[in-house]
Amino acid sequence: MLTASKPLRAAGAAAASIALLAACAPDAVRNRQATDFNAYLDSLKTACPNMIVGTNNISEWLRTSGSRGDDDYVYWLDQTSRLYYQRITAQQYRDSVSAALGGRSDSSALDCIVRHLPANRPTGLPGGRL
């Protein structure tokens, strides 16, 4: 009986770990239903060429889909998702991204990102995520 419970305990621990990791992932990374957000990111490629914040080339991230191993990219993507879904204000976005990436909150890259937000963007994440 003890040997049968070990695999169940291991499976339960694995499931809990996966759920915990998914909860910590940025909205844009964990939510594959975010087609409108992805379209917004795609539109920035042409609307805002040569975006640089600090030493980070956001335009290059958009061209190459970034790297999930790059903490700056993951942070920028998460904050941009929060901005897009109206979970933070434009000023909060500017302040947090510029502080994290070492840029200025009034950078032309951040101006362009905010300026090109769709007027009627959603207030909640697709799939009912908070």
Foldseek 3Di string as FASTA:
>chain_A
DVVVVVVVVVVVVVVVVVVVVLVPAALVVNDPVPPVLLVLLVVCLPQPPQDDAQNDGVNVCSVVVHDPVDPLVRVLVRLLVCPLLVVDDLQVSLVVNNVVRVGHSPDPNSVSSVVSRDPDGHNARPPGDD
